[in-house]
PDB file of N, CA and C in Angstrom:
ATOM      1  N   UNK A   1     -69.042 -31.523  65.392  1.00  0.00           N
ATOM      2  CA  UNK A   1     -69.563 -30.620  64.387  1.00  0.00           C
ATOM      3  C   UNK A   1     -71.087 -30.619  64.502  1.00  0.00           C
ATOM      4  N   UNK A   2     -71.629 -29.437  64.640  1.00  0.00           N
ATOM      5  CA  UNK A   2     -73.080 -29.308  64.706  1.00  0.00           C
ATOM      6  C   UNK A   2     -73.556 -28.375  63.600  1.00  0.00           C
ATOM      7  N   UNK A   3     -74.758 -28.651  63.129  1.00  0.00           N
ATOM      8  CA  UNK A   3     -75.325 -27.805  62.075  1.00  0.00           C
ATOM      9  C   UNK A   3     -75.565 -26.390  62.594  1.00  0.00           C
ATOM     10  N   UNK A   4     -75.916 -26.260  63.881  1.00  0.00           N
ATOM     11  CA  UNK A   4     -76.134 -24.935  64.460  1.00  0.00           C
ATOM     12  C   UNK A   4     -74.859 -24.105  64.410  1.00  0.00           C
ATOM     13  N   UNK A   5     -73.753 -24.708  64.780  1.00  0.00           N
ATOM     14  CA  UNK A   5     -72.470 -23.993  64.774  1.00  0.00           C
ATOM     15  C   UNK A   5     -72.058 -23.618  63.350  1.00  0.00           C
ATOM     16  N   UNK A   6     -72.291 -24.510  62.408  1.00  0.00           N
ATOM     17  CA  UNK A   6     -71.992 -24.214  61.006  1.00  0.00           C
ATOM     18  C   UNK A   6     -72.857 -23.053  60.518  1.00  0.00           C
ATOM     19  N   UNK A   7     -74.126 -23.049  60.904  1.00  0.00           N
ATOM     20  CA  UNK A   7     -75.016 -21.949  60.526  1.00  0.00           C
ATOM     21  C   UNK A   7     -74.582 -20.624  61.122  1.00  0.00           C
ATOM     22  N   UNK A   8     -74.162 -20.641  62.390  1.00  0.00           N
ATOM     23  CA  UNK A   8     -73.700 -19.415  63.042  1.00  0.00           C
ATOM     24  C   UNK A   8     -72.431 -18.887  62.375  1.00  0.00           C
ATOM     25  N   UNK A   9     -71.516 -19.784  62.053  1.00  0.00           N
ATOM     26  CA  UNK A   9     -70.283 -19.380  61.376  1.00  0.00           C
ATOM     27  C   UNK A   9     -70.598 -18.794  60.002  1.00  0.00           C
ATOM     28  N   UNK A  10     -71.518 -19.426  59.299  1.00  0.00           N
ATOM     29  CA  UNK A  10     -71.904 -18.931  57.976  1.00  0.00           C
ATOM     30  C   UNK A  10     -72.518 -17.539  58.071  1.00  0.00           C
ATOM     31  N   UNK A  11     -73.388 -17.326  59.046  1.00  0.00           N
ATOM     32  CA  UNK A  11     -74.039 -16.022  59.210  1.00  0.00           C
ATOM     33  C   UNK A  11     -73.014 -14.925  59.493  1.00  0.00           C
ATOM     34  N   UNK A  12     -72.066 -15.201  60.366  1.00  0.00           N
ATOM     35  CA  UNK A  12     -71.037 -14.206  60.694  1.00  0.00           C
ATOM     36  C   UNK A  12     -70.119 -13.980  59.489  1.00  0.00           C
ATOM     37  N   UNK A  13     -69.813 -15.040  58.750  1.00  0.00           N
ATOM     38  CA  UNK A  13     -68.975 -14.892  57.559  1.00  0.00           C
ATOM     39  C   UNK A  13     -69.678 -14.042  56.501  1.00  0.00           C
ATOM     40  N   UNK A  14     -70.985 -14.245  56.334  1.00  0.00           N
ATOM     41  CA  UNK A  14     -71.745 -13.431  55.370  1.00  0.00           C
ATOM     42  C   UNK A  14     -71.753 -11.967  55.812  1.00  0.00           C
ATOM     43  N   UNK A  15     -71.941 -11.733  57.106  1.00  0.00           N
ATOM     44  CA  UNK A  15     -71.916 -10.360  57.626  1.00  0.00           C
ATOM     45  C   UNK A  15     -70.567  -9.703  57.348  1.00  0.00           C
ATOM     46  N   UNK A  16     -69.491 -10.423  57.592  1.00  0.00           N
ATOM     47  CA  UNK A  16     -68.153  -9.871  57.341  1.00  0.00           C
ATOM     48  C   UNK A  16     -67.932  -9.615  55.854  1.00  0.00           C
ATOM     49  N   UNK A  17     -68.404 -10.510  55.016  1.00  0.00           N
ATOM     50  CA  UNK A  17     -68.267 -10.309  53.566  1.00  0.00           C
ATOM     51  C   UNK A  17     -69.032  -9.071  53.114  1.00  0.00           C
ATOM     52  N   UNK A  18     -70.234  -8.884  53.628  1.00  0.00           N
ATOM     53  CA  UNK A  18     -71.033  -7.702  53.268  1.00  0.00           C
ATOM     54  C   UNK A  18     -70.335  -6.433  53.751  1.00  0.00           C
ATOM     55  N   UNK A  19     -69.833  -6.450  54.979  1.00  0.00           N
ATOM     56  CA  UNK A  19     -69.103  -5.282  55.485  1.00  0.00           C
ATOM     57  C   UNK A  19     -67.891  -4.962  54.608  1.00  0.00           C
ATOM     58  N   UNK A  20     -67.182  -5.991  54.180  1.00  0.00           N
ATOM     59  CA  UNK A  20     -66.021  -5.783  53.317  1.00  0.00           C
ATOM     60  C   UNK A  20     -66.389  -5.185  51.978  1.00  0.00           C
ATOM     61  N   UNK A  21     -67.458  -5.693  51.372  1.00  0.00           N
ATOM     62  CA  UNK A  21     -67.893  -5.171  50.078  1.00  0.00           C
ATOM     63  C   UNK A  21     -68.373  -3.726  50.219  1.00  0.00           C
ATOM     64  N   UNK A  22     -69.123  -3.450  51.286  1.00  0.00           N
ATOM     65  CA  UNK A  22     -69.628  -2.088  51.507  1.00  0.00           C
ATOM     66  C   UNK A  22     -68.469  -1.109  51.683  1.00  0.00           C
ATOM     67  N   UNK A  23     -67.464  -1.493  52.462  1.00  0.00           N
ATOM     68  CA  UNK A  23     -66.337  -0.573  52.649  1.00  0.00           C
ATOM     69  C   UNK A  23     -65.546  -0.395  51.351  1.00  0.00           C
ATOM     70  N   UNK A  24     -65.468  -1.431  50.537  1.00  0.00           N
ATOM     71  CA  UNK A  24     -64.790  -1.289  49.248  1.00  0.00           C
ATOM     72  C   UNK A  24     -65.560  -0.338  48.339  1.00  0.00           C
ATOM     73  N   UNK A  25     -66.867  -0.524  48.268  1.00  0.00           N
ATOM     74  CA  UNK A  25     -67.685   0.340  47.421  1.00  0.00           C
ATOM     75  C   UNK A  25     -67.685   1.786  47.914  1.00  0.00           C
ATOM     76  N   UNK A  26     -67.575   1.972  49.228  1.00  0.00           N
ATOM     77  CA  UNK A  26     -67.526   3.319  49.801  1.00  0.00           C
ATOM     78  C   UNK A  26     -66.112   3.915  49.736  1.00  0.00           C
ATOM     79  N   UNK A  27     -65.176   3.135  49.211  1.00  0.00           N
ATOM     80  CA  UNK A  27     -63.779   3.561  49.100  1.00  0.00           C
ATOM     81  C   UNK A  27     -63.173   3.911  50.461  1.00  0.00           C
ATOM     82  N   UNK A  28     -63.467   3.059  51.428  1.00  0.00           N
ATOM     83  CA  UNK A  28     -62.964   3.247  52.794  1.00  0.00           C
ATOM     84  C   UNK A  28     -62.107   2.045  53.198  1.00  0.00           C
ATOM     85  N   UNK A  29     -61.199   2.282  54.118  1.00  0.00           N
ATOM     86  CA  UNK A  29     -60.422   1.196  54.700  1.00  0.00           C
ATOM     87  C   UNK A  29     -61.268   0.489  55.745  1.00  0.00           C
ATOM     88  N   UNK A  30     -60.814  -0.665  56.191  1.00  0.00           N
ATOM     89  CA  UNK A  30     -61.568  -1.378  57.213  1.00  0.00           C
ATOM     90  C   UNK A  30     -61.404  -0.682  58.559  1.00  0.00           C
ATOM     91  N   UNK A  31     -62.351  -0.935  59.451  1.00  0.00           N
ATOM     92  CA  UNK A  31     -62.303  -0.322  60.772  1.00  0.00           C
ATOM     93  C   UNK A  31     -62.424  -1.358  61.871  1.00  0.00           C
ATOM     94  N   UNK A  32     -62.704  -0.873  63.061  1.00  0.00           N
ATOM     95  CA  UNK A  32     -62.827  -1.754  64.217  1.00  0.00           C
ATOM     96  C   UNK A  32     -64.021  -2.697  64.093  1.00  0.00           C
ATOM     97  N   UNK A  33     -65.073  -2.264  63.419  1.00  0.00           N
ATOM     98  CA  UNK A  33     -66.230  -3.136  63.227  1.00  0.00           C
ATOM     99  C   UNK A  33     -65.826  -4.383  62.440  1.00  0.00           C
ATOM    100  N   UNK A  34     -65.059  -4.213  61.384  1.00  0.00           N
ATOM    101  CA  UNK A  34     -64.590  -5.349  60.590  1.00  0.00           C
ATOM    102  C   UNK A  34     -63.759  -6.297  61.455  1.00  0.00           C
ATOM    103  N   UNK A  35     -62.849  -5.725  62.227  1.00  0.00           N
ATOM    104  CA  UNK A  35     -61.980  -6.552  63.060  1.00  0.00           C
ATOM    105  C   UNK A  35     -62.765  -7.244  64.172  1.00  0.00           C
ATOM    106  N   UNK A  36     -63.772  -6.568  64.705  1.00  0.00           N
ATOM    107  CA  UNK A  36     -64.604  -7.181  65.732  1.00  0.00           C
ATOM    108  C   UNK A  36     -65.382  -8.373  65.195  1.00  0.00           C
ATOM    109  N   UNK A  37     -65.960  -8.217  64.017  1.00  0.00           N
ATOM    110  CA  UNK A  37     -66.703  -9.325  63.396  1.00  0.00           C
ATOM    111  C   UNK A  37     -65.743 -10.457  63.038  1.00  0.00           C
ATOM    112  N   UNK A  38     -64.559 -10.125  62.566  1.00  0.00           N
ATOM    113  CA  UNK A  38     -63.558 -11.155  62.276  1.00  0.00           C
ATOM    114  C   UNK A  38     -63.144 -11.881  63.556  1.00  0.00           C
ATOM    115  N   UNK A  39     -63.083 -11.163  64.661  1.00  0.00           N
ATOM    116  CA  UNK A  39     -62.776 -11.785  65.952  1.00  0.00           C
ATOM    117  C   UNK A  39     -63.862 -12.744  66.400  1.00  0.00           C
ATOM    118  N   UNK A  40     -65.119 -12.351  66.202  1.00  0.00           N
ATOM    119  CA  UNK A  40     -66.237 -13.250  66.529  1.00  0.00           C
ATOM    120  C   UNK A  40     -66.174 -14.489  65.643  1.00  0.00           C
ATOM    121  N   UNK A  41     -65.882 -14.289  64.372  1.00  0.00           N
ATOM    122  CA  UNK A  41     -65.762 -15.412  63.443  1.00  0.00           C
ATOM    123  C   UNK A  41     -64.648 -16.355  63.889  1.00  0.00           C
ATOM    124  N   UNK A  42     -63.524 -15.807  64.267  1.00  0.00           N
ATOM    125  CA  UNK A  42     -62.401 -16.624  64.733  1.00  0.00           C
ATOM    126  C   UNK A  42     -62.768 -17.394  66.002  1.00  0.00           C
ATOM    127  N   UNK A  43     -63.471 -16.742  66.923  1.00  0.00           N
ATOM    128  CA  UNK A  43     -63.882 -17.419  68.155  1.00  0.00           C
ATOM    129  C   UNK A  43     -64.810 -18.596  67.843  1.00  0.00           C
ATOM    130  N   UNK A  44     -65.758 -18.396  66.941  1.00  0.00           N
ATOM    131  CA  UNK A  44     -66.653 -19.490  66.552  1.00  0.00           C
ATOM    132  C   UNK A  44     -65.882 -20.632  65.895  1.00  0.00           C
ATOM    133  N   UNK A  45     -64.906 -20.296  65.092  1.00  0.00           N
ATOM    134  CA  UNK A  45     -64.103 -21.336  64.439  1.00  0.00           C
ATOM    135  C   UNK A  45     -63.274 -22.113  65.456  1.00  0.00           C
ATOM    136  N   UNK A  46     -62.776 -21.440  66.475  1.00  0.00           N
ATOM    137  CA  UNK A  46     -62.025 -22.134  67.526  1.00  0.00           C
ATOM    138  C   UNK A  46     -62.934 -23.057  68.333  1.00  0.00           C
ATOM    139  N   UNK A  47     -64.171 -22.623  68.583  1.00  0.00           N
ATOM    140  CA  UNK A  47     -65.136 -23.493  69.266  1.00  0.00           C
ATOM    141  C   UNK A  47     -65.420 -24.712  68.398  1.00  0.00           C
ATOM    142  N   UNK A  48     -65.612 -24.490  67.108  1.00  0.00           N
ATOM    143  CA  UNK A  48     -65.857 -25.594  66.195  1.00  0.00           C
ATOM    144  C   UNK A  48     -64.683 -26.571  66.189  1.00  0.00           C
ATOM    145  N   UNK A  49     -63.477 -26.046  66.161  1.00  0.00           N
ATOM    146  CA  UNK A  49     -62.292 -26.902  66.167  1.00  0.00           C
ATOM    147  C   UNK A  49     -62.227 -27.713  67.463  1.00  0.00           C
ATOM    148  N   UNK A  50     -62.537 -27.079  68.581  1.00  0.00           N
ATOM    149  CA  UNK A  50     -62.518 -27.790  69.865  1.00  0.00           C
ATOM    150  C   UNK A  50     -63.567 -28.894  69.892  1.00  0.00           C
ATOM    151  N   UNK A  51     -64.764 -28.617  69.367  1.00  0.00           N
ATOM    152  CA  UNK A  51     -65.821 -29.630  69.312  1.00  0.00           C
ATOM    153  C   UNK A  51     -65.383 -30.799  68.433  1.00  0.00           C
ATOM    154  N   UNK A  52     -64.811 -30.508  67.283  1.00  0.00           N
ATOM    155  CA  UNK A  52     -64.388 -31.565  66.360  1.00  0.00           C
ATOM    156  C   UNK A  52     -63.261 -32.404  66.948  1.00  0.00           C
ATOM    157  N   UNK A  53     -62.275 -31.757  67.544  1.00  0.00           N
ATOM    158  CA  UNK A  53     -61.159 -32.498  68.126  1.00  0.00           C
ATOM    159  C   UNK A  53     -61.641 -33.347  69.294  1.00  0.00           C
ATOM    160  N   UNK A  54     -62.536 -32.812  70.111  1.00  0.00           N
ATOM    161  CA  UNK A  54     -63.089 -33.576  71.229  1.00  0.00           C
ATOM    162  C   UNK A  54     -63.831 -34.813  70.728  1.00  0.00           C
ATOM    163  N   UNK A  55     -64.612 -34.645  69.681  1.00  0.00           N
ATOM    164  CA  UNK A  55     -65.336 -35.787  69.111  1.00  0.00           C
ATOM    165  C   UNK A  55     -64.367 -36.816  68.531  1.00  0.00           C
ATOM    166  N   UNK A  56     -63.299 -36.340  67.923  1.00  0.00           N
ATOM    167  CA  UNK A  56     -62.324 -37.267  67.356  1.00  0.00           C
ATOM    168  C   UNK A  56     -61.581 -38.022  68.452  1.00  0.00           C
ATOM    169  N   UNK A  57     -61.269 -37.350  69.534  1.00  0.00           N
ATOM    170  CA  UNK A  57     -60.638 -38.023  70.662  1.00  0.00           C
ATOM    171  C   UNK A  57     -61.591 -39.059  71.261  1.00  0.00           C
ATOM    172  N   UNK A  58     -62.883 -38.754  71.205  1.00  0.00           N
ATOM    173  CA  UNK A  58     -63.896 -39.675  71.709  1.00  0.00           C
ATOM    174  C   UNK A  58     -64.166 -40.859  70.805  1.00  0.00           C
ATOM    175  N   UNK A  59     -63.549 -40.910  69.638  1.00  0.00           N
ATOM    176  CA  UNK A  59     -63.682 -42.075  68.785  1.00  0.00           C
ATOM    177  C   UNK A  59     -64.330 -41.829  67.438  1.00  0.00           C
ATOM    178  N   UNK A  60     -64.994 -40.701  67.240  1.00  0.00           N
ATOM    179  CA  UNK A  60     -65.581 -40.413  65.926  1.00  0.00           C
ATOM    180  C   UNK A  60     -64.481 -39.914  64.995  1.00  0.00           C
ATOM    181  N   UNK A  61     -64.448 -40.474  63.811  1.00  0.00           N
ATOM    182  CA  UNK A  61     -63.453 -40.050  62.827  1.00  0.00           C
ATOM    183  C   UNK A  61     -64.107 -40.021  61.451  1.00  0.00           C
ATOM    184  N   UNK A  62     -63.877 -38.942  60.711  1.00  0.00           N
ATOM    185  CA  UNK A  62     -64.370 -38.924  59.333  1.00  0.00           C
ATOM    186  C   UNK A  62     -63.531 -39.878  58.484  1.00  0.00           C
ATOM    187  N   UNK A  63     -64.113 -40.416  57.406  1.00  0.00           N
ATOM    188  CA  UNK A  63     -63.349 -41.344  56.552  1.00  0.00           C
ATOM    189  C   UNK A  63     -62.077 -40.710  55.992  1.00  0.00           C
ATOM    190  N   UNK A  64     -62.138 -39.443  55.655  1.00  0.00           N
ATOM    191  CA  UNK A  64     -60.971 -38.740  55.123  1.00  0.00           C
ATOM    192  C   UNK A  64     -60.402 -37.840  56.230  1.00  0.00           C
ATOM    193  N   UNK A  65     -59.795 -38.470  57.213  1.00  0.00           N
ATOM    194  CA  UNK A  65     -59.332 -37.743  58.399  1.00  0.00           C
ATOM    195  C   UNK A  65     -58.271 -36.703  58.053  1.00  0.00           C
ATOM    196  N   UNK A  66     -57.344 -37.045  57.188  1.00  0.00           N
ATOM    197  CA  UNK A  66     -56.280 -36.091  56.844  1.00  0.00           C
ATOM    198  C   UNK A  66     -56.856 -34.860  56.154  1.00  0.00           C
ATOM    199  N   UNK A  67     -57.795 -35.064  55.241  1.00  0.00           N
ATOM    200  CA  UNK A  67     -58.438 -33.938  54.559  1.00  0.00           C
ATOM    201  C   UNK A  67     -59.201 -33.087  55.557  1.00  0.00           C
ATOM    202  N   UNK A  68     -59.929 -33.738  56.442  1.00  0.00           N
ATOM    203  CA  UNK A  68     -60.703 -33.022  57.452  1.00  0.00           C
ATOM    204  C   UNK A  68     -59.787 -32.173  58.331  1.00  0.00           C
ATOM    205  N   UNK A  69     -58.698 -32.756  58.803  1.00  0.00           N
ATOM    206  CA  UNK A  69     -57.781 -32.017  59.670  1.00  0.00           C
ATOM    207  C   UNK A  69     -57.109 -30.868  58.921  1.00  0.00           C
ATOM    208  N   UNK A  70     -56.826 -31.065  57.638  1.00  0.00           N
ATOM    209  CA  UNK A  70     -56.264 -29.981  56.832  1.00  0.00           C
ATOM    210  C   UNK A  70     -57.221 -28.807  56.712  1.00  0.00           C
ATOM    211  N   UNK A  71     -58.483 -29.116  56.434  1.00  0.00           N
ATOM    212  CA  UNK A  71     -59.500 -28.066  56.367  1.00  0.00           C
ATOM    213  C   UNK A  71     -59.673 -27.397  57.729  1.00  0.00           C
ATOM    214  N   UNK A  72     -59.697 -28.199  58.785  1.00  0.00           N
ATOM    215  CA  UNK A  72     -59.905 -27.655  60.128  1.00  0.00           C
ATOM    216  C   UNK A  72     -58.771 -26.709  60.525  1.00  0.00           C
ATOM    217  N   UNK A  73     -57.546 -27.099  60.236  1.00  0.00           N
ATOM    218  CA  UNK A  73     -56.411 -26.225  60.534  1.00  0.00           C
ATOM    219  C   UNK A  73     -56.388 -24.987  59.658  1.00  0.00           C
ATOM    220  N   UNK A  74     -56.721 -25.162  58.384  1.00  0.00           N
ATOM    221  CA  UNK A  74     -56.706 -24.042  57.449  1.00  0.00           C
ATOM    222  C   UNK A  74     -57.779 -23.017  57.720  1.00  0.00           C
ATOM    223  N   UNK A  75     -58.973 -23.495  58.064  1.00  0.00           N
ATOM    224  CA  UNK A  75     -60.088 -22.566  58.253  1.00  0.00           C
ATOM    225  C   UNK A  75     -59.862 -21.655  59.457  1.00  0.00           C
ATOM    226  N   UNK A  76     -59.135 -22.145  60.446  1.00  0.00           N
ATOM    227  CA  UNK A  76     -58.845 -21.325  61.632  1.00  0.00           C
ATOM    228  C   UNK A  76     -57.859 -20.206  61.289  1.00  0.00           C
ATOM    229  N   UNK A  77     -57.024 -20.432  60.299  1.00  0.00           N
ATOM    230  CA  UNK A  77     -56.010 -19.437  59.937  1.00  0.00           C
ATOM    231  C   UNK A  77     -56.519 -18.359  58.979  1.00  0.00           C
ATOM    232  N   UNK A  78     -57.575 -18.649  58.232  1.00  0.00           N
ATOM    233  CA  UNK A  78     -58.038 -17.725  57.187  1.00  0.00           C
ATOM    234  C   UNK A  78     -58.459 -16.358  57.742  1.00  0.00           C
ATOM    235  N   UNK A  79     -59.310 -16.270  58.787  1.00  0.00           N
ATOM    236  CA  UNK A  79     -59.678 -14.932  59.281  1.00  0.00           C
ATOM    237  C   UNK A  79     -58.483 -14.148  59.830  1.00  0.00           C
ATOM    238  N   UNK A  80     -57.549 -14.846  60.456  1.00  0.00           N
ATOM    239  CA  UNK A  80     -56.359 -14.169  60.994  1.00  0.00           C
ATOM    240  C   UNK A  80     -55.518 -13.617  59.850  1.00  0.00           C
ATOM    241  N   UNK A  81     -55.273 -14.442  58.852  1.00  0.00           N
ATOM    242  CA  UNK A  81     -54.474 -13.994  57.705  1.00  0.00           C
ATOM    243  C   UNK A  81     -55.174 -12.861  56.962  1.00  0.00           C
ATOM    244  N   UNK A  82     -56.490 -12.987  56.771  1.00  0.00           N
ATOM    245  CA  UNK A  82     -57.245 -11.936  56.090  1.00  0.00           C
ATOM    246  C   UNK A  82     -57.211 -10.624  56.852  1.00  0.00           C
ATOM    247  N   UNK A  83     -57.339 -10.697  58.170  1.00  0.00           N
ATOM    248  CA  UNK A  83     -57.312  -9.479  58.993  1.00  0.00           C
ATOM    249  C   UNK A  83     -55.940  -8.817  58.961  1.00  0.00           C
ATOM    250  N   UNK A  84     -54.890  -9.623  59.077  1.00  0.00           N
ATOM    251  CA  UNK A  84     -53.535  -9.056  59.035  1.00  0.00           C
ATOM    252  C   UNK A  84     -53.245  -8.414  57.683  1.00  0.00           C
ATOM    253  N   UNK A  85     -53.646  -9.082  56.622  1.00  0.00           N
ATOM    254  CA  UNK A  85     -53.424  -8.538  55.282  1.00  0.00           C
ATOM    255  C   UNK A  85     -54.235  -7.261  55.091  1.00  0.00           C
ATOM    256  N   UNK A  86     -55.494  -7.281  55.525  1.00  0.00           N
ATOM    257  CA  UNK A  86     -56.352  -6.104  55.362  1.00  0.00           C
ATOM    258  C   UNK A  86     -55.843  -4.917  56.180  1.00  0.00           C
ATOM    259  N   UNK A  87     -55.291  -5.179  57.351  1.00  0.00           N
ATOM    260  CA  UNK A  87     -54.764  -4.074  58.172  1.00  0.00           C
ATOM    261  C   UNK A  87     -53.534  -3.434  57.546  1.00  0.00           C
ATOM    262  N   UNK A  88     -52.765  -4.203  56.805  1.00  0.00           N
ATOM    263  CA  UNK A  88     -51.573  -3.623  56.173  1.00  0.00           C
ATOM    264  C   UNK A  88     -51.883  -2.995  54.818  1.00  0.00           C
ATOM    265  N   UNK A  89     -53.050  -3.287  54.274  1.00  0.00           N
ATOM    266  CA  UNK A  89     -53.467  -2.723  52.982  1.00  0.00           C
ATOM    267  C   UNK A  89     -53.877  -1.263  53.192  1.00  0.00           C
ATOM    268  N   UNK A  90     -53.209  -0.357  52.542  1.00  0.00           N
ATOM    269  CA  UNK A  90     -53.444   1.074  52.750  1.00  0.00           C
ATOM    270  C   UNK A  90     -54.485   1.656  51.803  1.00  0.00           C
ATOM    271  N   UNK A  91     -55.094   0.834  50.984  1.00  0.00           N
ATOM    272  CA  UNK A  91     -56.076   1.328  50.027  1.00  0.00           C
ATOM    273  C   UNK A  91     -57.467   0.823  50.388  1.00  0.00           C
ATOM    274  N   UNK A  92     -58.431   1.174  49.569  1.00  0.00           N
ATOM    275  CA  UNK A  92     -59.807   0.748  49.811  1.00  0.00           C
ATOM    276  C   UNK A  92     -59.999  -0.746  49.607  1.00  0.00           C
ATOM    277  N   UNK A  93     -59.024  -1.446  49.044  1.00  0.00           N
ATOM    278  CA  UNK A  93     -59.150  -2.860  48.743  1.00  0.00           C
ATOM    279  C   UNK A  93     -59.031  -3.742  49.982  1.00  0.00           C
ATOM    280  N   UNK A  94     -58.759  -3.153  51.113  1.00  0.00           N
ATOM    281  CA  UNK A  94     -58.714  -3.933  52.353  1.00  0.00           C
ATOM    282  C   UNK A  94     -60.060  -4.597  52.623  1.00  0.00           C
ATOM    283  N   UNK A  95     -61.139  -3.926  52.296  1.00  0.00           N
ATOM    284  CA  UNK A  95     -62.465  -4.515  52.474  1.00  0.00           C
ATOM    285  C   UNK A  95     -62.666  -5.731  51.593  1.00  0.00           C
ATOM    286  N   UNK A  96     -62.115  -5.688  50.400  1.00  0.00           N
ATOM    287  CA  UNK A  96     -62.215  -6.834  49.500  1.00  0.00           C
ATOM    288  C   UNK A  96     -61.436  -8.020  50.057  1.00  0.00           C
ATOM    289  N   UNK A  97     -60.289  -7.752  50.648  1.00  0.00           N
ATOM    290  CA  UNK A  97     -59.507  -8.821  51.269  1.00  0.00           C
ATOM    291  C   UNK A  97     -60.333  -9.488  52.371  1.00  0.00           C
ATOM    292  N   UNK A  98     -61.000  -8.682  53.202  1.00  0.00           N
ATOM    293  CA  UNK A  98     -61.838  -9.235  54.275  1.00  0.00           C
ATOM    294  C   UNK A  98     -63.016 -10.012  53.700  1.00  0.00           C
ATOM    295  N   UNK A  99     -63.616  -9.501  52.634  1.00  0.00           N
ATOM    296  CA  UNK A  99     -64.760 -10.173  52.017  1.00  0.00           C
ATOM    297  C   UNK A  99     -64.350 -11.526  51.440  1.00  0.00           C
ATOM    298  N   UNK A 100     -63.204 -11.576  50.802  1.00  0.00           N
ATOM    299  CA  UNK A 100     -62.735 -12.839  50.228  1.00  0.00           C
ATOM    300  C   UNK A 100     -62.410 -13.839  51.344  1.00  0.00           C
ATOM    301  N   UNK A 101     -61.766 -13.379  52.401  1.00  0.00           N
ATOM    302  CA  UNK A 101     -61.466 -14.271  53.522  1.00  0.00           C
ATOM    303  C   UNK A 101     -62.758 -14.821  54.126  1.00  0.00           C
ATOM    304  N   UNK A 102     -63.764 -13.980  54.274  1.00  0.00           N
ATOM    305  CA  UNK A 102     -65.045 -14.420  54.823  1.00  0.00           C
ATOM    306  C   UNK A 102     -65.722 -15.417  53.891  1.00  0.00           C
ATOM    307  N   UNK A 103     -65.654 -15.184  52.594  1.00  0.00           N
ATOM    308  CA  UNK A 103     -66.247 -16.105  51.628  1.00  0.00           C
ATOM    309  C   UNK A 103     -65.545 -17.460  51.667  1.00  0.00           C
ATOM    310  N   UNK A 104     -64.241 -17.444  51.813  1.00  0.00           N
ATOM    311  CA  UNK A 104     -63.480 -18.694  51.916  1.00  0.00           C
ATOM    312  C   UNK A 104     -63.920 -19.478  53.150  1.00  0.00           C
ATOM    313  N   UNK A 105     -64.080 -18.795  54.268  1.00  0.00           N
ATOM    314  CA  UNK A 105     -64.539 -19.465  55.485  1.00  0.00           C
ATOM    315  C   UNK A 105     -65.937 -20.038  55.279  1.00  0.00           C
ATOM    316  N   UNK A 106     -66.807 -19.272  54.627  1.00  0.00           N
ATOM    317  CA  UNK A 106     -68.166 -19.738  54.378  1.00  0.00           C
ATOM    318  C   UNK A 106     -68.210 -21.015  53.564  1.00  0.00           C
ATOM    319  N   UNK A 107     -67.341 -21.138  52.603  1.00  0.00           N
ATOM    320  CA  UNK A 107     -67.291 -22.353  51.779  1.00  0.00           C
ATOM    321  C   UNK A 107     -66.624 -23.499  52.542  1.00  0.00           C
ATOM    322  N   UNK A 108     -65.519 -23.199  53.207  1.00  0.00           N
ATOM    323  CA  UNK A 108     -64.779 -24.250  53.905  1.00  0.00           C
ATOM    324  C   UNK A 108     -65.568 -24.880  55.044  1.00  0.00           C
ATOM    325  N   UNK A 109     -66.380 -24.090  55.730  1.00  0.00           N
ATOM    326  CA  UNK A 109     -67.124 -24.639  56.860  1.00  0.00           C
ATOM    327  C   UNK A 109     -68.162 -25.654  56.387  1.00  0.00           C
ATOM    328  N   UNK A 110     -68.755 -25.409  55.234  1.00  0.00           N
ATOM    329  CA  UNK A 110     -69.721 -26.370  54.695  1.00  0.00           C
ATOM    330  C   UNK A 110     -69.014 -27.617  54.186  1.00  0.00           C
ATOM    331  N   UNK A 111     -67.813 -27.470  53.653  1.00  0.00           N
ATOM    332  CA  UNK A 111     -67.040 -28.642  53.243  1.00  0.00           C
ATOM    333  C   UNK A 111     -66.642 -29.463  54.459  1.00  0.00           C
ATOM    334  N   UNK A 112     -66.289 -28.807  55.549  1.00  0.00           N
ATOM    335  CA  UNK A 112     -65.983 -29.525  56.783  1.00  0.00           C
ATOM    336  C   UNK A 112     -67.184 -30.339  57.251  1.00  0.00           C
ATOM    337  N   UNK A 113     -68.352 -29.726  57.225  1.00  0.00           N
ATOM    338  CA  UNK A 113     -69.560 -30.437  57.634  1.00  0.00           C
ATOM    339  C   UNK A 113     -69.814 -31.627  56.716  1.00  0.00           C
ATOM    340  N   UNK A 114     -69.600 -31.428  55.426  1.00  0.00           N
ATOM    341  CA  UNK A 114     -69.787 -32.512  54.467  1.00  0.00           C
ATOM    342  C   UNK A 114     -68.825 -33.670  54.763  1.00  0.00           C
ATOM    343  N   UNK A 115     -67.582 -33.365  55.041  1.00  0.00           N
ATOM    344  CA  UNK A 115     -66.610 -34.404  55.381  1.00  0.00           C
ATOM    345  C   UNK A 115     -67.000 -35.111  56.673  1.00  0.00           C
ATOM    346  N   UNK A 116     -67.470 -34.346  57.649  1.00  0.00           N
ATOM    347  CA  UNK A 116     -67.835 -34.926  58.942  1.00  0.00           C
ATOM    348  C   UNK A 116     -69.081 -35.794  58.822  1.00  0.00           C
ATOM    349  N   UNK A 117     -70.052 -35.345  58.064  1.00  0.00           N
ATOM    350  CA  UNK A 117     -71.298 -36.101  57.912  1.00  0.00           C
ATOM    351  C   UNK A 117     -71.092 -37.390  57.136  1.00  0.00           C
ATOM    352  N   UNK A 118     -69.999 -37.528  56.429  1.00  0.00           N
ATOM    353  CA  UNK A 118     -69.721 -38.763  55.689  1.00  0.00           C
ATOM    354  C   UNK A 118     -69.578 -39.941  56.648  1.00  0.00           C
ATOM    355  N   UNK A 119     -69.291 -39.665  57.926  1.00  0.00           N
ATOM    356  CA  UNK A 119     -69.173 -40.747  58.903  1.00  0.00           C
ATOM    357  C   UNK A 119     -70.525 -41.354  59.220  1.00  0.00           C
ATOM    358  N   UNK A 120     -71.581 -40.609  59.000  1.00  0.00           N
ATOM    359  CA  UNK A 120     -72.914 -41.093  59.331  1.00  0.00           C
ATOM    360  C   UNK A 120     -73.628 -41.713  58.130  1.00  0.00           C
ATOM    361  N   UNK A 121     -73.017 -41.639  56.961  1.00  0.00           N
ATOM    362  CA  UNK A 121     -73.657 -42.155  55.747  1.00  0.00           C
ATOM    363  C   UNK A 121     -73.516 -43.659  55.627  1.00  0.00           C
TER     364      UNK A 121
END
């Protein structure tokens, strides 16, 4: 887990949340731009998961390993679930679904960092 990667994930999550809110306010469904940003977010989360698992295999473990692994597994699923739900939503609220999914990722990634940094305290 690196602070740079957490910052990049947060920035992309904020961008996706803003896009979702804008499309909701404009009364529009989501488009390819939303899905593209969600794809970038998912790719960053997969890189983060690979970095964390590699570090854990190398011997670093957070004190609350089960909680950390639960967050790590859950955070990877949130953009996928949000995108699938938003694509099936036929109303303007699809943007809100994407915004909420992005906000959840933004919060969870900082909690992951907090759990990981507890090993250094």
